[in-house]
Amino acid sequence: MREFHCVQNLPIPVVQAWEFVSNPRNLKEIMPPNMGFDITSGHLPDKMYPGMIVSYKVRPILGIAFRWVTEITQVREPEYFVDEQRFGPYAFWHHKHFIRGIEGGVEMEDLVHFKVPGGKLGDLFTPLLVLPKLREIFAFRQRKLEELFGKFTETSNGI
């Protein structure tokens, strides 16, 4: 089992951050274009809820397409939600998204626990392919969120 963790501060209120991240349609906007990310679910509501299933097509490496199906297993508005892979490229995927108000804005924290398939061979490729790809995805997301909502500074006045 591996863990990936990142934190980002934005100069916006908790409510605004929650409105954005709780809308499943916004996920495509914060994914790198080279991922070939497409939401394949039919009708998606404006807000996620526990038990919601969302399906995607993603091309993370060499343009190879993977079908990815996640379930939103927990939601506590506006504090956190959890998505878990039901089908997809990982042997295990559990992603916790936390939102906390801080002075001048909001702190958004992601904690991902994952395991790649393939046993020891898969474990060998994790630091070579999987972790760099996760870093790329989350770095893109952080840049995109700053583009949308501004860069956090100690003097931000988002709350």
Protein backbone atom coordinates (compact mmCIF):
# COMPACT_ATOMS: atom_id res chain seq x y z
CA MET A 1 0.00 0.00 0.00
CA ARG A 2 1.29 3.46 -0.90
CA GLU A 3 0.26 6.92 0.24
CA PHE A 4 0.17 10.20 -1.66
CA HIS A 5 -0.48 13.44 0.20
CA CYS A 6 -0.76 17.09 -0.83
CA VAL A 7 -2.08 20.33 0.62
CA GLN A 8 -3.06 23.57 -1.09
CA ASN A 9 -4.28 26.85 0.33
CA LEU A 10 -6.59 29.11 -1.67
CA PRO A 11 -7.87 32.63 -0.89
CA ILE A 12 -11.57 31.68 -1.00
CA PRO A 13 -14.21 30.83 1.61
CA VAL A 14 -14.93 27.22 2.54
CA VAL A 15 -18.38 27.44 0.94
CA GLN A 16 -16.92 28.45 -2.43
CA ALA A 17 -14.30 25.69 -2.31
CA TRP A 18 -16.96 23.13 -1.40
CA GLU A 19 -19.29 24.29 -4.19
CA PHE A 20 -16.52 23.70 -6.71
CA VAL A 21 -15.15 20.35 -5.49
CA SER A 22 -18.53 18.82 -4.70
CA ASN A 23 -19.70 19.23 -8.30
CA PRO A 24 -18.48 16.09 -10.10
CA ARG A 25 -18.50 17.86 -13.48
CA ASN A 26 -15.66 20.12 -12.33
CA LEU A 27 -13.22 17.22 -12.13
CA LYS A 28 -12.50 17.35 -15.87
CA GLU A 29 -11.53 21.02 -15.57
CA ILE A 30 -8.74 20.27 -13.08
CA MET A 31 -7.25 17.27 -14.92
CA PRO A 32 -4.27 17.69 -17.28
CA PRO A 33 -5.35 17.59 -20.94
CA ASN A 34 -2.75 14.92 -21.71
CA MET A 35 -4.66 12.51 -19.45
CA GLY A 36 -7.46 12.24 -22.02
CA PHE A 37 -9.91 12.40 -19.12
CA ASP A 38 -13.57 12.06 -20.06
CA ILE A 39 -16.55 11.60 -17.76
CA THR A 40 -18.64 8.76 -19.20
CA SER A 41 -21.42 8.78 -16.61
CA GLY A 42 -24.83 9.74 -17.91
CA HIS A 43 -26.64 12.41 -15.95
CA LEU A 44 -24.55 13.85 -13.12
CA PRO A 45 -26.11 16.03 -10.43
CA ASP A 46 -24.57 19.35 -9.42
CA LYS A 47 -23.61 17.90 -6.03
CA MET A 48 -22.12 14.59 -5.05
CA TYR A 49 -23.77 12.35 -2.49
CA PRO A 50 -22.84 9.10 -0.70
CA GLY A 51 -23.34 6.14 -2.99
CA MET A 52 -22.95 8.18 -6.18
CA ILE A 53 -21.17 6.30 -8.98
CA VAL A 54 -19.06 8.25 -11.47
CA SER A 55 -17.39 6.63 -14.47
CA TYR A 56 -14.53 8.00 -16.53
CA LYS A 57 -12.21 7.12 -19.33
CA VAL A 58 -8.62 8.09 -18.67
CA ARG A 59 -5.39 7.70 -20.68
CA PRO A 60 -2.64 8.24 -18.10
CA ILE A 61 0.30 6.49 -19.76
CA LEU A 62 1.17 6.20 -23.47
CA GLY A 63 -2.41 7.04 -24.45
CA ILE A 64 -3.66 3.65 -23.22
CA ALA A 65 -7.32 4.02 -22.24
CA PHE A 66 -8.58 2.76 -18.89
CA ARG A 67 -12.13 2.72 -17.65
CA TRP A 68 -12.35 4.05 -14.12
CA VAL A 69 -15.43 3.79 -11.92
CA THR A 70 -15.50 5.48 -8.53
CA GLU A 71 -18.04 5.58 -5.75
CA ILE A 72 -18.45 8.55 -3.45
CA THR A 73 -18.58 6.65 -0.16
CA GLN A 74 -18.65 9.47 2.39
CA VAL A 75 -19.68 13.12 2.33
CA ARG A 76 -19.67 15.56 5.22
CA GLU A 77 -20.53 18.97 3.79
CA PRO A 78 -18.48 21.20 3.70
CA GLU A 79 -15.63 19.33 5.42
CA TYR A 80 -14.68 16.27 3.39
CA PHE A 81 -15.64 13.55 0.98
CA VAL A 82 -14.16 10.18 0.04
CA ASP A 83 -14.03 8.51 -3.33
CA GLU A 84 -13.10 4.86 -3.82
CA GLN A 85 -12.31 3.07 -7.05
CA ARG A 86 -14.69 0.23 -7.88
CA PHE A 87 -13.14 -0.63 -11.26
CA GLY A 88 -10.04 0.81 -12.85
CA PRO A 89 -6.29 0.87 -13.17
CA TYR A 90 -5.49 0.43 -9.47
CA ALA A 91 -5.75 -2.68 -7.33
CA PHE A 92 -6.88 -0.30 -4.56
CA TRP A 93 -7.72 3.44 -4.52
CA HIS A 94 -9.08 5.39 -1.54
CA HIS A 95 -9.00 9.20 -1.84
CA LYS A 96 -9.93 11.53 1.01
CA HIS A 97 -10.54 15.22 0.21
CA PHE A 98 -10.53 17.59 3.21
CA ILE A 99 -11.53 21.27 3.24
CA ARG A 100 -10.73 23.46 6.24
CA GLY A 101 -11.15 27.15 6.82
CA ILE A 102 -7.92 28.93 7.65
CA GLU A 103 -7.08 32.58 8.18
CA GLY A 104 -7.41 34.25 4.80
CA GLY A 105 -8.94 31.33 2.94
CA VAL A 106 -9.21 27.60 2.79
CA GLU A 107 -6.86 24.64 3.10
CA MET A 108 -7.57 21.76 0.73
CA GLU A 109 -5.88 18.49 1.61
CA ASP A 110 -5.80 15.24 -0.36
CA LEU A 111 -4.79 11.90 1.09
CA VAL A 112 -4.67 8.96 -1.31
CA HIS A 113 -3.99 5.37 -0.34
CA PHE A 114 -3.40 3.15 -3.34
CA LYS A 115 -1.94 -0.08 -4.59
CA VAL A 116 -1.07 -0.86 -8.18
CA PRO A 117 -1.79 -4.28 -9.66
CA GLY A 118 0.94 -6.72 -10.62
CA GLY A 119 2.41 -7.67 -7.26
CA LYS A 120 6.15 -7.08 -6.96
CA LEU A 121 6.44 -6.00 -10.60
CA GLY A 122 3.72 -3.40 -10.06
CA ASP A 123 5.49 -2.24 -6.89
CA LEU A 124 8.66 -1.80 -8.96
CA PHE A 125 6.89 0.55 -11.40
CA THR A 126 5.19 2.64 -8.71
CA PRO A 127 8.12 5.03 -8.08
CA LEU A 128 9.05 5.09 -11.79
CA LEU A 129 5.64 5.70 -13.37
CA VAL A 130 2.76 5.98 -10.91
CA LEU A 131 4.11 8.46 -8.33
CA PRO A 132 5.48 10.86 -10.99
CA LYS A 133 2.09 10.76 -12.76
CA LEU A 134 0.24 11.48 -9.50
CA ARG A 135 2.60 14.40 -8.81
CA GLU A 136 1.97 15.73 -12.33
CA ILE A 137 -1.82 15.46 -11.95
CA PHE A 138 -1.92 17.18 -8.56
CA ALA A 139 0.58 19.89 -9.62
CA PHE A 140 -1.64 20.66 -12.63
CA ARG A 141 -4.68 20.74 -10.39
CA GLN A 142 -2.99 23.15 -7.99
CA ARG A 143 -2.01 25.49 -10.84
CA LYS A 144 -5.53 25.34 -12.31
CA LEU A 145 -7.17 26.08 -8.96
CA GLU A 146 -4.87 29.07 -8.47
CA GLU A 147 -5.78 30.24 -11.98
CA LEU A 148 -9.49 29.95 -11.13
CA PHE A 149 -9.44 31.29 -7.55
CA GLY A 150 -6.17 33.17 -7.06
CA LYS A 151 -2.95 32.48 -5.26
CA PHE A 152 -3.00 32.27 -1.48
CA THR A 153 -0.84 34.69 0.43
CA GLU A 154 -0.62 35.32 4.14
CA THR A 155 -2.61 38.52 3.57
CA SER A 156 -5.40 36.84 1.55
CA ASN A 157 -8.84 37.83 2.72
CA GLY A 158 -11.02 34.97 1.49
CA ILE A 159 -13.04 34.26 4.65
